[in-house]
Amino acid sequence: MLAPKGGQSPDEPRDWMSRARTAWTGIAKMLGDLAPKGLYARALIIIIAPIVLLESVVAFEVACALVDKFGGDSLPEMRARYELYLKMAGDR
């Protein structure tokens, strides 16, 4: 254990942790007060939140795949390459 610095009591780290714990408890209580209380509302959150998260992950991965396939420095450049790809695919 490190020796306390000048003017610092050995109990100060505990005081800091106690203040942090108190602050965290207050934040948790506030979030708990904001959370819906009814079973139906909570069920909606439990079902909808993962779907929204999954949707954003899928959208990000699709965007990454499009950049890999039709990469460019700008969206107009990517769009031009995409339209050329569609034209070439239609000619087959």
N, C-alpha and C. Protein backbone atom coordinates (compact mmCIF):
# COMPACT_ATOMS: atom_id res chain seq x y z
N MET A 1 0.84 -1.18 0.00
CA MET A 1 0.00 0.00 0.00
C MET A 1 0.88 1.23 0.00
N LEU A 2 0.51 2.23 -0.77
CA LEU A 2 1.28 3.45 -0.85
C LEU A 2 1.02 4.32 0.36
N ALA A 3 2.06 5.03 0.76
CA ALA A 3 1.92 5.95 1.89
C ALA A 3 1.15 7.18 1.43
N PRO A 4 0.33 7.76 2.31
CA PRO A 4 -0.42 8.95 1.91
C PRO A 4 0.50 10.13 1.66
N LYS A 5 0.11 10.96 0.70
CA LYS A 5 0.89 12.15 0.38
C LYS A 5 0.67 13.18 1.48
N GLY A 6 1.46 14.22 1.44
CA GLY A 6 1.37 15.26 2.45
C GLY A 6 -0.02 15.88 2.51
N GLY A 7 -0.62 15.92 3.69
CA GLY A 7 -1.92 16.50 3.89
C GLY A 7 -3.07 15.59 3.51
N GLN A 8 -2.77 14.34 3.12
CA GLN A 8 -3.82 13.41 2.71
C GLN A 8 -3.95 12.33 3.77
N SER A 9 -5.13 12.15 4.27
CA SER A 9 -5.33 11.12 5.28
C SER A 9 -5.49 9.76 4.62
N PRO A 10 -5.20 8.69 5.33
CA PRO A 10 -5.34 7.36 4.73
C PRO A 10 -6.78 7.02 4.38
N ASP A 11 -7.76 7.74 4.95
CA ASP A 11 -9.17 7.44 4.69
C ASP A 11 -9.71 8.13 3.44
N GLU A 12 -8.94 9.01 2.79
CA GLU A 12 -9.44 9.75 1.63
C GLU A 12 -9.85 8.85 0.47
N PRO A 13 -9.10 7.80 0.13
CA PRO A 13 -9.57 6.95 -0.97
C PRO A 13 -10.94 6.33 -0.65
N ARG A 14 -11.18 5.97 0.58
CA ARG A 14 -12.48 5.43 0.96
C ARG A 14 -13.55 6.50 0.82
N ASP A 15 -13.22 7.72 1.19
CA ASP A 15 -14.18 8.81 1.04
C ASP A 15 -14.53 9.02 -0.43
N TRP A 16 -13.53 8.96 -1.28
CA TRP A 16 -13.76 9.13 -2.72
C TRP A 16 -14.65 8.00 -3.23
N MET A 17 -14.36 6.77 -2.83
CA MET A 17 -15.17 5.63 -3.28
C MET A 17 -16.59 5.74 -2.74
N SER A 18 -16.73 6.22 -1.54
CA SER A 18 -18.05 6.38 -0.95
C SER A 18 -18.85 7.44 -1.72
N ARG A 19 -18.21 8.52 -2.09
CA ARG A 19 -18.89 9.56 -2.87
C ARG A 19 -19.27 9.03 -4.25
N ALA A 20 -18.37 8.27 -4.86
CA ALA A 20 -18.66 7.70 -6.17
C ALA A 20 -19.83 6.72 -6.07
N ARG A 21 -19.85 5.90 -5.04
CA ARG A 21 -20.93 4.94 -4.84
C ARG A 21 -22.26 5.66 -4.63
N THR A 22 -22.23 6.73 -3.86
CA THR A 22 -23.43 7.51 -3.61
C THR A 22 -23.94 8.14 -4.90
N ALA A 23 -23.03 8.67 -5.71
CA ALA A 23 -23.42 9.28 -6.99
C ALA A 23 -24.01 8.22 -7.91
N TRP A 24 -23.38 7.05 -7.96
CA TRP A 24 -23.87 5.99 -8.84
C TRP A 24 -25.25 5.51 -8.37
N THR A 25 -25.44 5.42 -7.07
CA THR A 25 -26.74 5.02 -6.54
C THR A 25 -27.81 6.03 -6.94
N GLY A 26 -27.48 7.32 -6.89
CA GLY A 26 -28.42 8.36 -7.30
C GLY A 26 -28.78 8.25 -8.77
N ILE A 27 -27.78 8.00 -9.61
CA ILE A 27 -28.02 7.85 -11.05
C ILE A 27 -28.89 6.63 -11.31
N ALA A 28 -28.58 5.52 -10.63
CA ALA A 28 -29.36 4.30 -10.81
C ALA A 28 -30.81 4.50 -10.37
N LYS A 29 -31.01 5.23 -9.28
CA LYS A 29 -32.37 5.50 -8.80
C LYS A 29 -33.12 6.36 -9.81
N MET A 30 -32.44 7.37 -10.38
CA MET A 30 -33.08 8.23 -11.36
C MET A 30 -33.48 7.43 -12.60
N LEU A 31 -32.59 6.55 -13.08
CA LEU A 31 -32.93 5.72 -14.23
C LEU A 31 -34.06 4.77 -13.90
N GLY A 32 -34.07 4.25 -12.68
CA GLY A 32 -35.16 3.37 -12.26
C GLY A 32 -36.49 4.10 -12.22
N ASP A 33 -36.46 5.36 -11.81
CA ASP A 33 -37.68 6.16 -11.79
C ASP A 33 -38.19 6.44 -13.21
N LEU A 34 -37.26 6.56 -14.17
CA LEU A 34 -37.65 6.84 -15.55
C LEU A 34 -38.14 5.59 -16.29
N ALA A 35 -37.71 4.41 -15.83
CA ALA A 35 -38.08 3.17 -16.50
C ALA A 35 -39.57 2.91 -16.33
N PRO A 36 -40.18 2.31 -17.33
CA PRO A 36 -41.60 2.02 -17.24
C PRO A 36 -41.87 1.00 -16.13
N LYS A 37 -43.02 1.15 -15.47
CA LYS A 37 -43.33 0.29 -14.33
C LYS A 37 -44.22 -0.88 -14.72
N GLY A 38 -45.02 -0.72 -15.76
CA GLY A 38 -45.95 -1.78 -16.14
C GLY A 38 -45.25 -2.92 -16.85
N LEU A 39 -45.83 -4.12 -16.72
CA LEU A 39 -45.26 -5.31 -17.35
C LEU A 39 -45.28 -5.18 -18.87
N TYR A 40 -46.36 -4.65 -19.43
CA TYR A 40 -46.48 -4.52 -20.88
C TYR A 40 -45.40 -3.58 -21.43
N ALA A 41 -45.20 -2.44 -20.77
CA ALA A 41 -44.20 -1.48 -21.23
C ALA A 41 -42.80 -2.05 -21.13
N ARG A 42 -42.51 -2.73 -20.05
CA ARG A 42 -41.19 -3.34 -19.90
C ARG A 42 -40.97 -4.43 -20.94
N ALA A 43 -42.01 -5.22 -21.21
CA ALA A 43 -41.89 -6.27 -22.22
C ALA A 43 -41.59 -5.66 -23.59
N LEU A 44 -42.25 -4.53 -23.89
CA LEU A 44 -41.97 -3.87 -25.17
C LEU A 44 -40.52 -3.43 -25.26
N ILE A 45 -40.01 -2.87 -24.18
CA ILE A 45 -38.61 -2.43 -24.18
C ILE A 45 -37.67 -3.62 -24.33
N ILE A 46 -37.98 -4.71 -23.64
CA ILE A 46 -37.11 -5.90 -23.70
C ILE A 46 -37.12 -6.49 -25.10
N ILE A 47 -38.23 -6.39 -25.80
CA ILE A 47 -38.31 -6.95 -27.15
C ILE A 47 -37.80 -5.98 -28.20
N ILE A 48 -38.15 -4.71 -28.09
CA ILE A 48 -37.83 -3.74 -29.14
C ILE A 48 -36.37 -3.30 -29.10
N ALA A 49 -35.81 -3.10 -27.92
CA ALA A 49 -34.42 -2.61 -27.83
C ALA A 49 -33.42 -3.51 -28.56
N PRO A 50 -33.45 -4.84 -28.37
CA PRO A 50 -32.51 -5.68 -29.13
C PRO A 50 -32.76 -5.65 -30.63
N ILE A 51 -34.02 -5.51 -31.04
CA ILE A 51 -34.32 -5.45 -32.47
C ILE A 51 -33.72 -4.19 -33.08
N VAL A 52 -33.86 -3.07 -32.39
CA VAL A 52 -33.29 -1.81 -32.89
C VAL A 52 -31.77 -1.92 -32.96
N LEU A 53 -31.18 -2.52 -31.94
CA LEU A 53 -29.72 -2.70 -31.93
C LEU A 53 -29.28 -3.60 -33.08
N LEU A 54 -29.98 -4.71 -33.28
CA LEU A 54 -29.64 -5.62 -34.37
C LEU A 54 -29.79 -4.94 -35.73
N GLU A 55 -30.85 -4.16 -35.87
CA GLU A 55 -31.07 -3.45 -37.13
C GLU A 55 -29.93 -2.48 -37.44
N SER A 56 -29.44 -1.79 -36.42
CA SER A 56 -28.34 -0.86 -36.65
C SER A 56 -27.05 -1.59 -37.00
N VAL A 57 -26.83 -2.75 -36.39
CA VAL A 57 -25.63 -3.53 -36.71
C VAL A 57 -25.70 -4.04 -38.14
N VAL A 58 -26.87 -4.53 -38.56
CA VAL A 58 -27.03 -5.02 -39.93
C VAL A 58 -26.84 -3.88 -40.92
N ALA A 59 -27.41 -2.72 -40.63
CA ALA A 59 -27.24 -1.57 -41.54
C ALA A 59 -25.78 -1.18 -41.66
N PHE A 60 -25.06 -1.21 -40.55
CA PHE A 60 -23.64 -0.87 -40.59
C PHE A 60 -22.88 -1.88 -41.44
N GLU A 61 -23.17 -3.16 -41.27
CA GLU A 61 -22.47 -4.19 -42.04
C GLU A 61 -22.80 -4.11 -43.53
N VAL A 62 -24.04 -3.80 -43.86
CA VAL A 62 -24.42 -3.63 -45.27
C VAL A 62 -23.67 -2.44 -45.87
N ALA A 63 -23.58 -1.35 -45.10
CA ALA A 63 -22.85 -0.18 -45.58
C ALA A 63 -21.37 -0.52 -45.79
N CYS A 64 -20.79 -1.29 -44.88
CA CYS A 64 -19.38 -1.70 -45.05
C CYS A 64 -19.21 -2.56 -46.30
N ALA A 65 -20.16 -3.47 -46.55
CA ALA A 65 -20.07 -4.32 -47.74
C ALA A 65 -20.20 -3.49 -49.01
N LEU A 66 -21.08 -2.49 -49.00
CA LEU A 66 -21.21 -1.62 -50.18
C LEU A 66 -19.94 -0.82 -50.43
N VAL A 67 -19.32 -0.34 -49.36
CA VAL A 67 -18.07 0.40 -49.53
C VAL A 67 -16.98 -0.52 -50.07
N ASP A 68 -16.95 -1.78 -49.58
CA ASP A 68 -15.96 -2.73 -50.09
C ASP A 68 -16.20 -3.04 -51.56
N LYS A 69 -17.46 -3.21 -51.94
CA LYS A 69 -17.79 -3.60 -53.31
C LYS A 69 -17.66 -2.43 -54.30
N PHE A 70 -18.19 -1.28 -53.93
CA PHE A 70 -18.24 -0.14 -54.85
C PHE A 70 -17.43 1.05 -54.34
N GLY A 71 -16.44 0.80 -53.51
CA GLY A 71 -15.69 1.84 -52.83
C GLY A 71 -15.36 3.05 -53.67
N GLY A 72 -15.24 4.14 -53.01
CA GLY A 72 -14.92 5.38 -53.68
C GLY A 72 -14.69 6.46 -52.64
N ASP A 73 -14.39 7.64 -53.12
CA ASP A 73 -14.13 8.75 -52.20
C ASP A 73 -15.39 9.51 -51.84
N SER A 74 -16.48 9.30 -52.60
CA SER A 74 -17.70 10.05 -52.34
C SER A 74 -18.91 9.19 -52.69
N LEU A 75 -20.07 9.61 -52.20
CA LEU A 75 -21.30 8.88 -52.51
C LEU A 75 -21.67 8.94 -54.00
N PRO A 76 -21.50 10.09 -54.67
CA PRO A 76 -21.79 10.09 -56.12
C PRO A 76 -20.91 9.10 -56.88
N GLU A 77 -19.66 8.97 -56.48
CA GLU A 77 -18.77 8.01 -57.14
C GLU A 77 -19.24 6.58 -56.88
N MET A 78 -19.65 6.30 -55.64
CA MET A 78 -20.18 4.96 -55.33
C MET A 78 -21.47 4.70 -56.10
N ARG A 79 -22.33 5.70 -56.21
CA ARG A 79 -23.60 5.54 -56.93
C ARG A 79 -23.33 5.25 -58.41
N ALA A 80 -22.36 5.95 -59.00
CA ALA A 80 -22.03 5.71 -60.41
C ALA A 80 -21.55 4.28 -60.61
N ARG A 81 -20.72 3.80 -59.72
CA ARG A 81 -20.22 2.42 -59.82
C ARG A 81 -21.35 1.41 -59.61
N TYR A 82 -22.27 1.71 -58.70
CA TYR A 82 -23.42 0.84 -58.45
C TYR A 82 -24.32 0.77 -59.68
N GLU A 83 -24.58 1.91 -60.29
CA GLU A 83 -25.42 1.93 -61.50
C GLU A 83 -24.74 1.19 -62.65
N LEU A 84 -23.43 1.32 -62.77
CA LEU A 84 -22.70 0.56 -63.79
C LEU A 84 -22.80 -0.93 -63.51
N TYR A 85 -22.71 -1.30 -62.24
CA TYR A 85 -22.84 -2.72 -61.85
C TYR A 85 -24.22 -3.24 -62.22
N LEU A 86 -25.28 -2.47 -61.95
CA LEU A 86 -26.62 -2.89 -62.30
C LEU A 86 -26.79 -3.03 -63.82
N LYS A 87 -26.20 -2.10 -64.55
CA LYS A 87 -26.28 -2.15 -66.03
C LYS A 87 -25.56 -3.39 -66.55
N MET A 88 -24.40 -3.68 -66.00
CA MET A 88 -23.65 -4.86 -66.43
C MET A 88 -24.38 -6.15 -66.05
N ALA A 89 -25.01 -6.15 -64.88
CA ALA A 89 -25.75 -7.34 -64.45
C ALA A 89 -26.99 -7.55 -65.33
N GLY A 90 -27.58 -6.45 -65.76
CA GLY A 90 -28.78 -6.55 -66.62
C GLY A 90 -28.46 -7.02 -68.02
N ASP A 91 -27.24 -6.79 -68.46
CA ASP A 91 -26.82 -7.20 -69.81
C ASP A 91 -26.57 -8.70 -69.91
N ARG A 92 -26.43 -9.35 -68.80
CA ARG A 92 -26.10 -10.79 -68.83
C ARG A 92 -27.24 -11.61 -69.24
